[in-house]
PDB file of all heavy atoms in Angstrom:
ATOM      1  N   SER A   1      -9.829  -6.694   6.312  1.00  0.00           N
ATOM      2  CA  SER A   1     -10.606  -5.540   6.960  1.00  0.00           C
ATOM      3  C   SER A   1     -10.180  -4.324   6.351  1.00  0.00           C
ATOM      4  O   SER A   1      -9.013  -4.262   5.765  1.00  0.00           O
ATOM      5  CB  SER A   1     -10.538  -5.628   8.346  1.00  0.00           C
ATOM      6  OG  SER A   1      -9.196  -5.306   8.797  1.00  0.00           O
ATOM      7  N   ALA A   2     -10.839  -3.185   6.536  1.00  0.00           N
ATOM      8  CA  ALA A   2     -10.415  -1.923   6.127  1.00  0.00           C
ATOM      9  C   ALA A   2      -9.215  -1.587   6.768  1.00  0.00           C
ATOM     10  O   ALA A   2      -8.189  -1.100   6.157  1.00  0.00           O
ATOM     11  CB  ALA A   2     -11.514  -0.858   6.265  1.00  0.00           C
ATOM     12  N   GLU A   3      -9.044  -1.861   7.945  1.00  0.00           N
ATOM     13  CA  GLU A   3      -7.836  -1.551   8.968  1.00  0.00           C
ATOM     14  C   GLU A   3      -6.689  -2.217   8.261  1.00  0.00           C
ATOM     15  O   GLU A   3      -5.561  -1.672   8.225  1.00  0.00           O
ATOM     16  CB  GLU A   3      -8.054  -1.760  10.293  1.00  0.00           C
ATOM     17  CG  GLU A   3      -6.924  -1.448  11.304  1.00  0.00           C
ATOM     18  CD  GLU A   3      -7.139  -1.562  12.686  1.00  0.00           C
ATOM     19  OE1 GLU A   3      -8.331  -1.754  13.038  1.00  0.00           O
ATOM     20  OE2 GLU A   3      -6.225  -1.644  13.416  1.00  0.00           O
ATOM     21  N   SER A   4      -6.766  -3.614   8.123  1.00  0.00           N
ATOM     22  CA  SER A   4      -5.627  -4.382   7.578  1.00  0.00           C
ATOM     23  C   SER A   4      -5.284  -3.817   6.201  1.00  0.00           C
ATOM     24  O   SER A   4      -3.915  -3.901   6.105  1.00  0.00           O
ATOM     25  CB  SER A   4      -5.852  -5.803   7.601  1.00  0.00           C
ATOM     26  OG  SER A   4      -6.918  -6.190   6.677  1.00  0.00           O
ATOM     27  N   CYS A   5      -6.136  -3.451   5.496  1.00  0.00           N
ATOM     28  CA  CYS A   5      -5.736  -2.907   4.064  1.00  0.00           C
ATOM     29  C   CYS A   5      -5.063  -1.513   4.217  1.00  0.00           C
ATOM     30  O   CYS A   5      -4.007  -1.386   3.582  1.00  0.00           O
ATOM     31  CB  CYS A   5      -7.001  -2.830   3.330  1.00  0.00           C
ATOM     32  SG  CYS A   5      -7.632  -4.313   2.614  1.00  0.00           S
ATOM     33  N   LEU A   6      -5.522  -0.720   5.102  1.00  0.00           N
ATOM     34  CA  LEU A   6      -4.709   0.669   5.376  1.00  0.00           C
ATOM     35  C   LEU A   6      -3.403   0.327   5.911  1.00  0.00           C
ATOM     36  O   LEU A   6      -2.435   1.017   5.464  1.00  0.00           O
ATOM     37  CB  LEU A   6      -5.638   1.426   6.245  1.00  0.00           C
ATOM     38  CG  LEU A   6      -6.708   2.187   5.643  1.00  0.00           C
ATOM     39  CD1 LEU A   6      -7.480   3.190   6.704  1.00  0.00           C
ATOM     40  CD2 LEU A   6      -6.287   3.184   4.494  1.00  0.00           C
ATOM     41  N   ASP A   7      -3.310  -0.491   6.839  1.00  0.00           N
ATOM     42  CA  ASP A   7      -2.024  -0.706   7.545  1.00  0.00           C
ATOM     43  C   ASP A   7      -0.977  -1.196   6.432  1.00  0.00           C
ATOM     44  O   ASP A   7       0.153  -0.813   6.462  1.00  0.00           O
ATOM     45  CB  ASP A   7      -2.107  -1.816   8.591  1.00  0.00           C
ATOM     46  CG  ASP A   7      -2.702  -1.254   9.832  1.00  0.00           C
ATOM     47  OD1 ASP A   7      -2.930   0.061   9.944  1.00  0.00           O
ATOM     48  OD2 ASP A   7      -3.045  -2.029  10.728  1.00  0.00           O
ATOM     49  N   LEU A   8      -1.374  -2.231   5.551  1.00  0.00           N
ATOM     50  CA  LEU A   8      -0.548  -2.855   4.625  1.00  0.00           C
ATOM     51  C   LEU A   8      -0.278  -1.857   3.401  1.00  0.00           C
ATOM     52  O   LEU A   8       0.817  -1.675   2.884  1.00  0.00           O
ATOM     53  CB  LEU A   8      -1.189  -4.135   4.041  1.00  0.00           C
ATOM     54  CG  LEU A   8      -0.808  -5.259   5.134  1.00  0.00           C
ATOM     55  CD1 LEU A   8      -1.695  -6.491   4.770  1.00  0.00           C
ATOM     56  CD2 LEU A   8       0.583  -5.678   5.256  1.00  0.00           C
ATOM     57  N   ALA A   9      -1.307  -1.035   3.176  1.00  0.00           N
ATOM     58  CA  ALA A   9      -1.137   0.161   2.188  1.00  0.00           C
ATOM     59  C   ALA A   9      -0.021   0.990   2.611  1.00  0.00           C
ATOM     60  O   ALA A   9       0.878   1.443   1.772  1.00  0.00           O
ATOM     61  CB  ALA A   9      -2.308   0.841   1.766  1.00  0.00           C
ATOM     62  N   ALA A  10      -0.064   1.480   3.853  1.00  0.00           N
ATOM     63  CA  ALA A  10       1.000   2.263   4.342  1.00  0.00           C
ATOM     64  C   ALA A  10       2.336   1.731   4.344  1.00  0.00           C
ATOM     65  O   ALA A  10       3.343   2.327   3.953  1.00  0.00           O
ATOM     66  CB  ALA A  10       0.620   2.740   5.816  1.00  0.00           C
ATOM     67  N   TRP A  11       2.480   0.352   4.639  1.00  0.00           N
ATOM     68  CA  TRP A  11       3.698  -0.483   4.638  1.00  0.00           C
ATOM     69  C   TRP A  11       4.203  -0.476   3.226  1.00  0.00           C
ATOM     70  O   TRP A  11       5.359  -0.235   2.926  1.00  0.00           O
ATOM     71  CB  TRP A  11       3.503  -1.798   5.105  1.00  0.00           C
ATOM     72  CG  TRP A  11       4.770  -2.544   5.035  1.00  0.00           C
ATOM     73  CD1 TRP A  11       5.745  -2.414   5.851  1.00  0.00           C
ATOM     74  CD2 TRP A  11       5.166  -3.390   3.921  1.00  0.00           C
ATOM     75  NE1 TRP A  11       6.841  -3.318   5.516  1.00  0.00           N
ATOM     76  CE2 TRP A  11       6.502  -3.892   4.258  1.00  0.00           C
ATOM     77  CE3 TRP A  11       4.636  -3.750   2.778  1.00  0.00           C
ATOM     78  CZ2 TRP A  11       7.158  -4.758   3.422  1.00  0.00           C
ATOM     79  CZ3 TRP A  11       5.270  -4.648   1.930  1.00  0.00           C
ATOM     80  CH2 TRP A  11       6.509  -5.157   2.231  1.00  0.00           C
ATOM     81  N   CYS A  12       3.271  -0.685   2.155  1.00  0.00           N
ATOM     82  CA  CYS A  12       3.611  -0.736   0.821  1.00  0.00           C
ATOM     83  C   CYS A  12       4.254   0.516   0.298  1.00  0.00           C
ATOM     84  O   CYS A  12       5.200   0.542  -0.415  1.00  0.00           O
ATOM     85  CB  CYS A  12       2.451  -1.127  -0.173  1.00  0.00           C
ATOM     86  SG  CYS A  12       2.042  -2.794   0.050  1.00  0.00           S
ATOM     87  N   ILE A  13       3.723   1.786   0.808  1.00  0.00           N
ATOM     88  CA  ILE A  13       4.188   3.072   0.325  1.00  0.00           C
ATOM     89  C   ILE A  13       5.562   3.191   0.904  1.00  0.00           C
ATOM     90  O   ILE A  13       6.448   3.680   0.180  1.00  0.00           O
ATOM     91  CB  ILE A  13       3.230   4.167   0.809  1.00  0.00           C
ATOM     92  CG1 ILE A  13       1.999   4.066   0.000  1.00  0.00           C
ATOM     93  CG2 ILE A  13       3.879   5.490   0.706  1.00  0.00           C
ATOM     94  CD1 ILE A  13       0.940   5.011   0.448  1.00  0.00           C
ATOM     95  N   ASP A  14       5.846   2.903   2.108  1.00  0.00           N
ATOM     96  CA  ASP A  14       7.116   2.874   2.695  1.00  0.00           C
ATOM     97  C   ASP A  14       8.095   1.999   2.098  1.00  0.00           C
ATOM     98  O   ASP A  14       9.192   2.403   1.570  1.00  0.00           O
ATOM     99  CB  ASP A  14       6.992   2.604   4.284  1.00  0.00           C
ATOM    100  CG  ASP A  14       8.230   2.807   4.992  1.00  0.00           C
ATOM    101  OD1 ASP A  14       8.705   3.876   4.885  1.00  0.00           O
ATOM    102  OD2 ASP A  14       8.733   1.855   5.728  1.00  0.00           O
ATOM    103  N   ARG A  15       7.651   0.817   1.723  1.00  0.00           N
ATOM    104  CA  ARG A  15       8.544  -0.036   0.869  1.00  0.00           C
ATOM    105  C   ARG A  15       8.901   0.450  -0.357  1.00  0.00           C
ATOM    106  O   ARG A  15      10.043   0.359  -0.854  1.00  0.00           O
ATOM    107  CB  ARG A  15       7.909  -1.412   0.847  1.00  0.00           C
ATOM    108  CG  ARG A  15       8.547  -2.454  -0.086  1.00  0.00           C
ATOM    109  CD  ARG A  15       9.832  -2.994   0.739  1.00  0.00           C
ATOM    110  NE  ARG A  15      10.552  -3.841  -0.120  1.00  0.00           N
ATOM    111  CZ  ARG A  15      10.525  -5.191  -0.018  1.00  0.00           C
ATOM    112  NH1 ARG A  15       9.797  -5.705   0.958  1.00  0.00           N
ATOM    113  NH2 ARG A  15      11.239  -5.993  -0.837  1.00  0.00           N
ATOM    114  N   ALA A  16       7.851   1.028  -1.194  1.00  0.00           N
ATOM    115  CA  ALA A  16       8.102   1.538  -2.588  1.00  0.00           C
ATOM    116  C   ALA A  16       9.092   2.724  -2.492  1.00  0.00           C
ATOM    117  O   ALA A  16      10.018   2.818  -3.201  1.00  0.00           O
ATOM    118  CB  ALA A  16       6.741   2.042  -3.173  1.00  0.00           C
ATOM    119  N   GLU A  17       8.921   3.583  -1.387  1.00  0.00           N
ATOM    120  CA  GLU A  17       9.826   4.720  -1.431  1.00  0.00           C
ATOM    121  C   GLU A  17      11.252   4.357  -0.975  1.00  0.00           C
ATOM    122  O   GLU A  17      12.238   4.934  -1.413  1.00  0.00           O
ATOM    123  CB  GLU A  17       9.366   5.696  -0.368  1.00  0.00           C
ATOM    124  CG  GLU A  17       8.018   6.460  -0.750  1.00  0.00           C
ATOM    125  CD  GLU A  17       7.424   7.430   0.245  1.00  0.00           C
ATOM    126  OE1 GLU A  17       7.727   7.182   1.428  1.00  0.00           O
ATOM    127  OE2 GLU A  17       6.593   8.148  -0.114  1.00  0.00           O
ATOM    128  N   ASN A  18      11.252   3.363  -0.165  1.00  0.00           N
ATOM    129  CA  ASN A  18      12.651   2.948   0.247  1.00  0.00           C
ATOM    130  C   ASN A  18      13.464   2.095  -0.784  1.00  0.00           C
ATOM    131  O   ASN A  18      14.653   1.965  -0.867  1.00  0.00           O
ATOM    132  CB  ASN A  18      12.616   2.168   1.531  1.00  0.00           C
ATOM    133  CG  ASN A  18      12.476   2.981   2.735  1.00  0.00           C
ATOM    134  OD1 ASN A  18      13.130   4.086   2.838  1.00  0.00           O
ATOM    135  ND2 ASN A  18      11.501   2.799   3.645  1.00  0.00           N
ATOM    136  N   SER A  19      12.630   1.244  -1.602  1.00  0.00           N
ATOM    137  CA  SER A  19      13.259   0.405  -2.560  1.00  0.00           C
ATOM    138  C   SER A  19      13.214   0.909  -4.106  1.00  0.00           C
ATOM    139  O   SER A  19      13.947   0.423  -4.942  1.00  0.00           O
ATOM    140  CB  SER A  19      12.525  -0.942  -2.536  1.00  0.00           C
ATOM    141  OG  SER A  19      11.223  -0.828  -3.142  1.00  0.00           O
ATOM    142  N   GLY A  20      12.304   1.882  -4.383  1.00  0.00           N
ATOM    143  CA  GLY A  20      12.156   2.267  -5.642  1.00  0.00           C
ATOM    144  C   GLY A  20      11.408   1.239  -6.499  1.00  0.00           C
ATOM    145  O   GLY A  20      11.238   1.551  -7.677  1.00  0.00           O
ATOM    146  N   ASP A  21      10.775   0.288  -5.837  1.00  0.00           N
ATOM    147  CA  ASP A  21       9.974  -0.684  -6.524  1.00  0.00           C
ATOM    148  C   ASP A  21       8.462  -0.273  -6.702  1.00  0.00           C
ATOM    149  O   ASP A  21       7.763  -0.370  -5.699  1.00  0.00           O
ATOM    150  CB  ASP A  21      10.127  -2.050  -5.824  1.00  0.00           C
ATOM    151  CG  ASP A  21       9.592  -3.184  -6.729  1.00  0.00           C
ATOM    152  OD1 ASP A  21       8.741  -3.060  -7.581  1.00  0.00           O
ATOM    153  OD2 ASP A  21      10.017  -4.365  -6.386  1.00  0.00           O
ATOM    154  N   ALA A  22       8.110  -0.008  -8.003  1.00  0.00           N
ATOM    155  CA  ALA A  22       6.751   0.672  -8.141  1.00  0.00           C
ATOM    156  C   ALA A  22       5.618  -0.418  -7.857  1.00  0.00           C
ATOM    157  O   ALA A  22       4.367  -0.004  -7.806  1.00  0.00           O
ATOM    158  CB  ALA A  22       6.607   1.324  -9.417  1.00  0.00           C
ATOM    159  N   ARG A  23       5.951  -1.583  -7.864  1.00  0.00           N
ATOM    160  CA  ARG A  23       4.741  -2.559  -7.712  1.00  0.00           C
ATOM    161  C   ARG A  23       4.126  -2.416  -6.487  1.00  0.00           C
ATOM    162  O   ARG A  23       2.952  -2.653  -6.187  1.00  0.00           O
ATOM    163  CB  ARG A  23       5.333  -3.970  -7.818  1.00  0.00           C
ATOM    164  CG  ARG A  23       6.114  -4.571  -6.538  1.00  0.00           C
ATOM    165  CD  ARG A  23       6.507  -5.929  -6.668  1.00  0.00           C
ATOM    166  NE  ARG A  23       7.865  -5.980  -7.413  1.00  0.00           N
ATOM    167  CZ  ARG A  23       8.283  -6.863  -8.028  1.00  0.00           C
ATOM    168  NH1 ARG A  23       7.763  -8.110  -8.091  1.00  0.00           N
ATOM    169  NH2 ARG A  23       9.509  -6.879  -8.761  1.00  0.00           N
ATOM    170  N   TYR A  24       4.989  -1.946  -5.385  1.00  0.00           N
ATOM    171  CA  TYR A  24       4.331  -1.668  -4.062  1.00  0.00           C
ATOM    172  C   TYR A  24       3.363  -0.404  -4.106  1.00  0.00           C
ATOM    173  O   TYR A  24       2.394  -0.318  -3.357  1.00  0.00           O
ATOM    174  CB  TYR A  24       5.352  -1.527  -2.946  1.00  0.00           C
ATOM    175  CG  TYR A  24       6.118  -2.768  -2.844  1.00  0.00           C
ATOM    176  CD1 TYR A  24       7.195  -3.101  -3.414  1.00  0.00           C
ATOM    177  CD2 TYR A  24       5.569  -3.813  -2.088  1.00  0.00           C
ATOM    178  CE1 TYR A  24       8.044  -4.306  -3.321  1.00  0.00           C
ATOM    179  CE2 TYR A  24       6.230  -5.046  -1.948  1.00  0.00           C
ATOM    180  CZ  TYR A  24       7.454  -5.233  -2.580  1.00  0.00           C
ATOM    181  OH  TYR A  24       8.113  -6.427  -2.428  1.00  0.00           O
ATOM    182  N   CYS A  25       3.692   0.505  -5.062  1.00  0.00           N
ATOM    183  CA  CYS A  25       2.674   1.629  -5.140  1.00  0.00           C
ATOM    184  C   CYS A  25       1.439   1.124  -5.659  1.00  0.00           C
ATOM    185  O   CYS A  25       0.352   1.581  -5.361  1.00  0.00           O
ATOM    186  CB  CYS A  25       3.300   2.709  -6.058  1.00  0.00           C
ATOM    187  SG  CYS A  25       4.670   3.699  -5.440  1.00  0.00           S
ATOM    188  N   SER A  26       1.461   0.284  -6.816  1.00  0.00           N
ATOM    189  CA  SER A  26       0.224  -0.245  -7.420  1.00  0.00           C
ATOM    190  C   SER A  26      -0.519  -1.067  -6.289  1.00  0.00           C
ATOM    191  O   SER A  26      -1.740  -0.885  -6.239  1.00  0.00           O
ATOM    192  CB  SER A  26       0.665  -1.177  -8.581  1.00  0.00           C
ATOM    193  OG  SER A  26       1.197  -0.532  -9.509  1.00  0.00           O
ATOM    194  N   ILE A  27       0.184  -1.747  -5.545  1.00  0.00           N
ATOM    195  CA  ILE A  27      -0.496  -2.634  -4.448  1.00  0.00           C
ATOM    196  C   ILE A  27      -1.203  -1.704  -3.434  1.00  0.00           C
ATOM    197  O   ILE A  27      -2.371  -1.820  -2.941  1.00  0.00           O
ATOM    198  CB  ILE A  27       0.331  -3.603  -3.840  1.00  0.00           C
ATOM    199  CG1 ILE A  27       0.773  -4.609  -4.932  1.00  0.00           C
ATOM    200  CG2 ILE A  27      -0.303  -4.159  -2.687  1.00  0.00           C
ATOM    201  CD1 ILE A  27       1.917  -5.561  -4.397  1.00  0.00           C
ATOM    202  N   ALA A  28      -0.371  -0.735  -3.038  1.00  0.00           N
ATOM    203  CA  ALA A  28      -0.949   0.311  -2.125  1.00  0.00           C
ATOM    204  C   ALA A  28      -2.233   1.009  -2.568  1.00  0.00           C
ATOM    205  O   ALA A  28      -3.125   1.170  -1.876  1.00  0.00           O
ATOM    206  CB  ALA A  28       0.190   1.319  -1.676  1.00  0.00           C
ATOM    207  N   ARG A  29      -2.221   1.363  -3.829  1.00  0.00           N
ATOM    208  CA  ARG A  29      -3.307   2.068  -4.462  1.00  0.00           C
ATOM    209  C   ARG A  29      -4.641   1.077  -4.285  1.00  0.00           C
ATOM    210  O   ARG A  29      -5.764   1.478  -3.990  1.00  0.00           O
ATOM    211  CB  ARG A  29      -3.159   2.525  -5.804  1.00  0.00           C
ATOM    212  CG  ARG A  29      -2.215   3.634  -5.993  1.00  0.00           C
ATOM    213  CD  ARG A  29      -1.923   4.035  -7.442  1.00  0.00           C
ATOM    214  NE  ARG A  29      -3.288   4.562  -7.979  1.00  0.00           N
ATOM    215  CZ  ARG A  29      -3.390   4.655  -9.352  1.00  0.00           C
ATOM    216  NH1 ARG A  29      -2.468   4.379 -10.051  1.00  0.00           N
ATOM    217  NH2 ARG A  29      -4.699   5.197  -9.598  1.00  0.00           N
ATOM    218  N   THR A  30      -4.303  -0.187  -4.646  1.00  0.00           N
ATOM    219  CA  THR A  30      -5.442  -1.206  -4.537  1.00  0.00           C
ATOM    220  C   THR A  30      -6.052  -1.396  -3.091  1.00  0.00           C
ATOM    221  O   THR A  30      -7.076  -1.266  -2.881  1.00  0.00           O
ATOM    222  CB  THR A  30      -4.875  -2.574  -5.011  1.00  0.00           C
ATOM    223  OG1 THR A  30      -4.394  -2.476  -6.447  1.00  0.00           O
ATOM    224  CG2 THR A  30      -5.947  -3.619  -4.999  1.00  0.00           C
ATOM    225  N   LEU A  31      -5.093  -1.393  -2.139  1.00  0.00           N
ATOM    226  CA  LEU A  31      -5.455  -1.625  -0.756  1.00  0.00           C
ATOM    227  C   LEU A  31      -6.097  -0.391  -0.250  1.00  0.00           C
ATOM    228  O   LEU A  31      -7.123  -0.553   0.496  1.00  0.00           O
ATOM    229  CB  LEU A  31      -4.213  -1.949   0.109  1.00  0.00           C
ATOM    230  CG  LEU A  31      -3.543  -3.417  -0.239  1.00  0.00           C
ATOM    231  CD1 LEU A  31      -2.341  -3.580   0.523  1.00  0.00           C
ATOM    232  CD2 LEU A  31      -4.461  -4.651  -0.119  1.00  0.00           C
ATOM    233  N   SER A  32      -5.665   0.771  -0.634  1.00  0.00           N
ATOM    234  CA  SER A  32      -6.423   1.961  -0.166  1.00  0.00           C
ATOM    235  C   SER A  32      -7.767   2.064  -0.753  1.00  0.00           C
ATOM    236  O   SER A  32      -8.634   2.454  -0.131  1.00  0.00           O
ATOM    237  CB  SER A  32      -5.540   3.218  -0.742  1.00  0.00           C
ATOM    238  OG  SER A  32      -4.412   3.156  -0.081  1.00  0.00           O
ATOM    239  N   PHE A  33      -7.909   1.721  -2.112  1.00  0.00           N
ATOM    240  CA  PHE A  33      -9.218   1.621  -2.598  1.00  0.00           C
ATOM    241  C   PHE A  33     -10.174   0.840  -1.911  1.00  0.00           C
ATOM    242  O   PHE A  33     -11.330   1.115  -1.599  1.00  0.00           O
ATOM    243  CB  PHE A  33      -9.174   1.233  -4.108  1.00  0.00           C
ATOM    244  CG  PHE A  33     -10.432   1.040  -4.840  1.00  0.00           C
ATOM    245  CD1 PHE A  33     -11.173   2.293  -5.250  1.00  0.00           C
ATOM    246  CD2 PHE A  33     -11.115  -0.076  -4.946  1.00  0.00           C
ATOM    247  CE1 PHE A  33     -12.488   2.101  -5.805  1.00  0.00           C
ATOM    248  CE2 PHE A  33     -12.302  -0.240  -5.468  1.00  0.00           C
ATOM    249  CZ  PHE A  33     -12.899   0.872  -5.820  1.00  0.00           C
ATOM    250  N   ILE A  34      -9.683  -0.404  -1.500  1.00  0.00           N
ATOM    251  CA  ILE A  34     -10.535  -1.401  -0.817  1.00  0.00           C
ATOM    252  C   ILE A  34     -10.993  -0.751   0.569  1.00  0.00           C
ATOM    253  O   ILE A  34     -12.167  -0.800   0.983  1.00  0.00           O
ATOM    254  CB  ILE A  34      -9.752  -2.642  -0.587  1.00  0.00           C
ATOM    255  CG1 ILE A  34      -9.665  -3.346  -1.795  1.00  0.00           C
ATOM    256  CG2 ILE A  34     -10.489  -3.647   0.498  1.00  0.00           C
ATOM    257  CD1 ILE A  34      -8.570  -4.555  -1.775  1.00  0.00           C
ATOM    258  N   ALA A  35      -9.990  -0.156   1.303  1.00  0.00           N
ATOM    259  CA  ALA A  35     -10.316   0.478   2.555  1.00  0.00           C
ATOM    260  C   ALA A  35     -11.353   1.630   2.517  1.00  0.00           C
ATOM    261  O   ALA A  35     -12.304   1.688   3.263  1.00  0.00           O
ATOM    262  CB  ALA A  35      -8.955   0.947   3.150  1.00  0.00           C
ATOM    263  N   GLU A  36     -11.253   2.365   1.417  1.00  0.00           N
ATOM    264  CA  GLU A  36     -12.066   3.485   1.208  1.00  0.00           C
ATOM    265  C   GLU A  36     -13.517   3.060   0.878  1.00  0.00           C
ATOM    266  O   GLU A  36     -14.509   3.515   1.350  1.00  0.00           O
ATOM    267  CB  GLU A  36     -11.643   4.428   0.096  1.00  0.00           C
ATOM    268  CG  GLU A  36     -10.364   5.304   0.462  1.00  0.00           C
ATOM    269  CD  GLU A  36      -9.758   6.050  -0.702  1.00  0.00           C
ATOM    270  OE1 GLU A  36     -10.412   6.016  -1.760  1.00  0.00           O
ATOM    271  OE2 GLU A  36      -8.679   6.564  -0.484  1.00  0.00           O
TER     272      GLU A  36
END
């Protein structure tokens, strides 16, 4: 759903910022696009 994608996108951003692993930024952008 749009909501589940937004929730997980936010989690991915948090994970990317805390871990430095950019794969989570790419995934967050995808999930944000889906939600939009």
